[in-house]
């Protein structure tokens, strides 16, 4: 359960979501993209609660990369475009370039037409994760939510992720990243700290980091015995 979560982000900003395992990070992002409904309170996108948006319309404005990347039997292009039969090739290439996977895709046996198998079995874990990032960026959605997007990435993948986050912010989108590795926070400007399903802190990354570094002082007590 998550309780008492309260924050807002402006267009062109990025937030890192951090906290210990089991603190509710993945639960929160599932709620933010409408996968899990809230029992109370509202999640608003451009002022309207997400349940007010028609499902198809909402889907075009949200990009989501879950912690466990789910790909489907089909081609690379179909997975990036979310199996949209009317997807333009230019939009698919744009998403792959934004995710830094275009060159990787061209090295596959059939390029964008490579069949990846059920759950992307023909790809490595890192390739699946980067392909999932391209899918999340397809169509330039306004809100992009990435749940531990660099758990299987090497240094080059980390750099591509940072550039992708910067690109989302530059075009006026909002990006939220669940992160355990500090490299995923490089291009973000806000932090939300969760613990035990509750919000511990929210603000600019520099302010949150400064608070974390402040020394904790404890009062001294004299201990004695009577005898």
Protein backbone atom coordinates (compact mmCIF):
# COMPACT_ATOMS: atom_id res chain seq x y z
CA UNK A 1 0.00 0.00 0.00
CA UNK A 2 1.02 3.58 -0.65
CA UNK A 3 -0.26 6.43 1.49
CA UNK A 4 0.13 10.21 1.60
CA UNK A 5 1.97 10.63 -1.70
CA UNK A 6 1.76 14.23 -2.91
CA UNK A 7 3.92 15.78 -5.62
CA UNK A 8 3.66 17.60 -8.94
CA UNK A 9 6.00 18.04 -11.90
CA UNK A 10 6.06 20.65 -14.65
CA UNK A 11 6.58 20.01 -18.35
CA UNK A 12 10.26 19.58 -19.17
CA UNK A 13 11.25 18.10 -15.82
CA UNK A 14 12.51 14.72 -14.68
CA UNK A 15 12.19 12.95 -11.33
CA UNK A 16 14.11 10.07 -9.81
CA UNK A 17 12.12 7.72 -7.56
CA UNK A 18 14.35 6.14 -4.94
CA UNK A 19 13.99 4.10 -1.76
CA UNK A 20 14.82 0.68 -0.32
CA UNK A 21 13.44 -2.53 -1.80
CA UNK A 22 9.77 -2.98 -0.94
CA UNK A 23 9.18 0.72 -0.34
CA UNK A 24 6.50 0.94 -3.05
CA UNK A 25 8.37 2.39 -6.03
CA UNK A 26 7.01 -0.02 -8.65
CA UNK A 27 3.53 0.19 -7.12
CA UNK A 28 3.60 3.98 -7.46
CA UNK A 29 4.66 3.97 -11.10
CA UNK A 30 2.00 1.38 -11.96
CA UNK A 31 -0.55 3.77 -10.46
CA UNK A 32 0.92 6.74 -12.32
CA UNK A 33 0.44 5.10 -15.72
CA UNK A 34 -3.03 3.76 -14.87
CA UNK A 35 -2.15 0.07 -14.57
CA UNK A 36 -3.31 -0.02 -10.95
CA UNK A 37 -6.25 2.16 -9.84
CA UNK A 38 -6.04 4.23 -6.68
CA UNK A 39 -8.43 3.64 -3.77
CA UNK A 40 -8.43 7.33 -2.93
CA UNK A 41 -6.77 10.47 -4.22
CA UNK A 42 -6.20 11.49 -7.83
CA UNK A 43 -3.42 11.20 -10.36
CA UNK A 44 -3.76 14.04 -12.85
CA UNK A 45 -2.22 14.50 -16.27
CA UNK A 46 -2.58 18.03 -17.65
CA UNK A 47 -5.17 18.75 -14.96
CA UNK A 48 -7.48 15.82 -15.73
CA UNK A 49 -7.62 12.67 -13.59
CA UNK A 50 -6.30 9.74 -15.59
CA UNK A 51 -9.58 7.85 -15.27
CA UNK A 52 -11.23 10.72 -17.18
CA UNK A 53 -9.06 10.01 -20.22
CA UNK A 54 -10.29 7.47 -22.80
CA UNK A 55 -7.92 4.50 -22.64
CA UNK A 56 -6.73 4.82 -26.25
CA UNK A 57 -6.13 8.54 -25.93
CA UNK A 58 -4.25 8.11 -22.65
CA UNK A 59 -2.04 5.39 -24.11
CA UNK A 60 -0.68 7.73 -26.77
CA UNK A 61 0.49 10.20 -24.15
CA UNK A 62 2.21 7.71 -21.82
CA UNK A 63 5.36 5.66 -22.35
CA UNK A 64 6.07 2.92 -19.81
CA UNK A 65 9.06 0.64 -19.37
CA UNK A 66 8.26 -1.89 -16.62
CA UNK A 67 10.90 -3.51 -14.47
CA UNK A 68 10.34 -6.84 -16.24
CA UNK A 69 10.40 -5.96 -19.93
CA UNK A 70 7.64 -7.78 -21.79
CA UNK A 71 8.23 -8.17 -25.51
CA UNK A 72 6.10 -10.19 -27.91
CA UNK A 73 6.63 -12.57 -30.79
CA UNK A 74 7.01 -10.40 -33.86
CA UNK A 75 9.54 -8.11 -35.45
CA UNK A 76 11.65 -5.42 -33.83
CA UNK A 77 9.61 -2.76 -35.63
CA UNK A 78 6.31 -4.23 -34.42
CA UNK A 79 7.46 -4.26 -30.80
CA UNK A 80 8.71 -0.68 -30.93
CA UNK A 81 5.46 0.53 -32.53
CA UNK A 82 3.29 -1.41 -30.05
CA UNK A 83 1.97 -3.43 -33.02
CA UNK A 84 0.33 -0.36 -34.51
CA UNK A 85 -0.44 -1.36 -38.12
CA UNK A 86 -0.51 2.31 -39.15
CA UNK A 87 2.83 3.22 -37.58
CA UNK A 88 5.09 5.23 -39.86
CA UNK A 89 8.61 3.82 -40.35
CA UNK A 90 10.02 7.28 -39.63
CA UNK A 91 8.37 7.28 -36.19
CA UNK A 92 9.81 3.84 -35.38
CA UNK A 93 13.31 4.92 -36.39
CA UNK A 94 12.93 8.17 -34.43
CA UNK A 95 12.05 6.21 -31.27
CA UNK A 96 14.98 3.83 -31.72
CA UNK A 97 17.37 6.72 -32.28
CA UNK A 98 16.05 8.49 -29.17
CA UNK A 99 16.69 5.29 -27.20
CA UNK A 100 20.16 4.87 -28.75
CA UNK A 101 19.34 1.46 -30.28
CA UNK A 102 19.20 2.27 -34.01
CA UNK A 103 22.74 1.06 -34.72
CA UNK A 104 22.21 -2.04 -32.60
CA UNK A 105 19.06 -2.89 -34.55
CA UNK A 106 20.83 -2.47 -37.89
CA UNK A 107 23.36 -5.10 -36.79
CA UNK A 108 20.59 -7.70 -36.29
CA UNK A 109 20.17 -10.28 -39.09
CA UNK A 110 17.13 -8.58 -40.66
CA UNK A 111 17.39 -5.17 -39.04
CA UNK A 112 13.99 -3.81 -38.04
CA UNK A 113 12.31 -6.87 -39.58
CA UNK A 114 14.19 -9.31 -37.34
CA UNK A 115 11.83 -11.72 -35.58
CA UNK A 116 12.66 -11.63 -31.88
CA UNK A 117 10.62 -14.63 -30.71
CA UNK A 118 8.26 -14.98 -27.75
CA UNK A 119 9.29 -12.60 -24.94
CA UNK A 120 12.21 -11.42 -27.09
CA UNK A 121 14.03 -14.73 -26.64
CA UNK A 122 16.37 -13.97 -29.55
CA UNK A 123 17.78 -10.92 -27.72
CA UNK A 124 20.05 -10.48 -24.73
CA UNK A 125 18.69 -8.94 -21.51
CA UNK A 126 20.38 -5.64 -22.31
CA UNK A 127 18.99 -5.61 -25.86
CA UNK A 128 15.47 -6.33 -24.57
CA UNK A 129 15.73 -3.49 -22.10
CA UNK A 130 16.91 -1.02 -24.74
CA UNK A 131 14.19 -2.16 -27.13
CA UNK A 132 11.67 -1.66 -24.34
CA UNK A 133 12.99 1.90 -23.92
CA UNK A 134 12.46 2.57 -27.63
CA UNK A 135 8.87 1.29 -27.29
CA UNK A 136 8.31 3.63 -24.32
CA UNK A 137 9.54 6.57 -26.42
CA UNK A 138 7.50 5.69 -29.53
CA UNK A 139 5.23 8.55 -30.55
CA UNK A 140 6.95 11.09 -28.24
CA UNK A 141 4.59 10.56 -25.27
CA UNK A 142 4.23 13.41 -22.79
CA UNK A 143 4.76 11.26 -19.68
CA UNK A 144 7.50 8.62 -19.77
CA UNK A 145 7.85 6.29 -16.76
CA UNK A 146 10.89 4.00 -16.58
CA UNK A 147 11.14 1.35 -13.85
CA UNK A 148 14.83 0.50 -13.28
CA UNK A 149 15.67 1.08 -16.95
CA UNK A 150 19.42 0.44 -16.56
CA UNK A 151 19.43 -2.79 -14.54
CA UNK A 152 20.86 -4.72 -17.52
CA UNK A 153 22.73 -1.95 -19.31
CA UNK A 154 26.45 -1.55 -19.86
CA UNK A 155 28.26 1.81 -19.88
CA UNK A 156 27.17 2.56 -23.46
CA UNK A 157 23.57 1.73 -22.54
CA UNK A 158 23.77 4.04 -19.51
CA UNK A 159 24.95 6.89 -21.73
CA UNK A 160 22.14 6.23 -24.21
CA UNK A 161 19.62 6.28 -21.35
CA UNK A 162 20.93 9.63 -20.10
CA UNK A 163 20.62 11.11 -23.60
CA UNK A 164 17.08 9.73 -23.89
CA UNK A 165 16.07 11.35 -20.59
CA UNK A 166 17.59 14.65 -21.69
CA UNK A 167 15.69 14.38 -24.98
CA UNK A 168 12.34 13.88 -23.22
CA UNK A 169 12.91 16.95 -21.08
CA UNK A 170 14.13 19.04 -24.03
CA UNK A 171 10.91 18.43 -25.99
CA UNK A 172 8.78 19.42 -22.98
CA UNK A 173 7.88 15.97 -21.69
CA UNK A 174 8.01 14.64 -18.13
CA UNK A 175 10.12 11.61 -17.25
CA UNK A 176 10.00 9.60 -14.01
CA UNK A 177 12.71 7.03 -13.35
CA UNK A 178 12.81 4.35 -10.65
CA UNK A 179 16.50 4.00 -9.89
CA UNK A 180 18.83 1.91 -7.79
CA UNK A 181 21.98 2.75 -9.74
CA UNK A 182 23.07 6.41 -9.42
CA UNK A 183 23.88 6.63 -13.14
CA UNK A 184 20.14 6.67 -13.92
CA UNK A 185 19.75 9.91 -11.93
CA UNK A 186 22.34 11.93 -13.86
CA UNK A 187 19.92 13.85 -16.09
CA UNK A 188 17.09 14.24 -13.54
CA UNK A 189 16.38 17.38 -11.54
CA UNK A 190 13.93 16.16 -8.86
CA UNK A 191 13.91 13.30 -6.38
CA UNK A 192 11.09 11.56 -4.55
CA UNK A 193 12.15 9.35 -1.64
CA UNK A 194 9.86 6.50 -0.54
CA UNK A 195 10.12 4.29 2.53
CA UNK A 196 7.52 1.88 3.85
CA UNK A 197 4.94 3.06 1.32
CA UNK A 198 5.18 6.68 2.43
CA UNK A 199 6.77 9.76 0.95
CA UNK A 200 9.84 10.76 2.93
CA UNK A 201 11.01 13.68 0.82
CA UNK A 202 10.36 15.42 -2.49
CA UNK A 203 12.18 18.31 -4.11
CA UNK A 204 15.07 19.35 -6.27
CA UNK A 205 17.78 16.72 -6.47
CA UNK A 206 20.38 19.14 -5.12
CA UNK A 207 18.24 19.95 -2.07
CA UNK A 208 17.43 16.31 -1.28
CA UNK A 209 21.11 15.37 -1.60
CA UNK A 210 22.09 18.21 0.71
CA UNK A 211 19.57 17.09 3.33
CA UNK A 212 20.92 13.56 3.16
CA UNK A 213 24.43 14.81 3.85
CA UNK A 214 23.49 16.91 6.88
CA UNK A 215 25.01 15.47 10.08
CA UNK A 216 22.62 14.00 12.59
CA UNK A 217 23.30 15.21 16.11
CA UNK A 218 22.09 13.31 19.14
CA UNK A 219 21.86 14.67 22.69
CA UNK A 220 24.33 13.30 25.18
CA UNK A 221 23.03 11.67 28.36
CA UNK A 222 25.01 11.08 31.50
CA UNK A 223 24.63 7.55 32.77
CA UNK A 224 25.36 6.81 36.41
CA UNK A 225 24.34 4.55 39.24
CA UNK A 226 23.40 5.18 42.83
CA UNK A 227 24.76 2.85 45.46
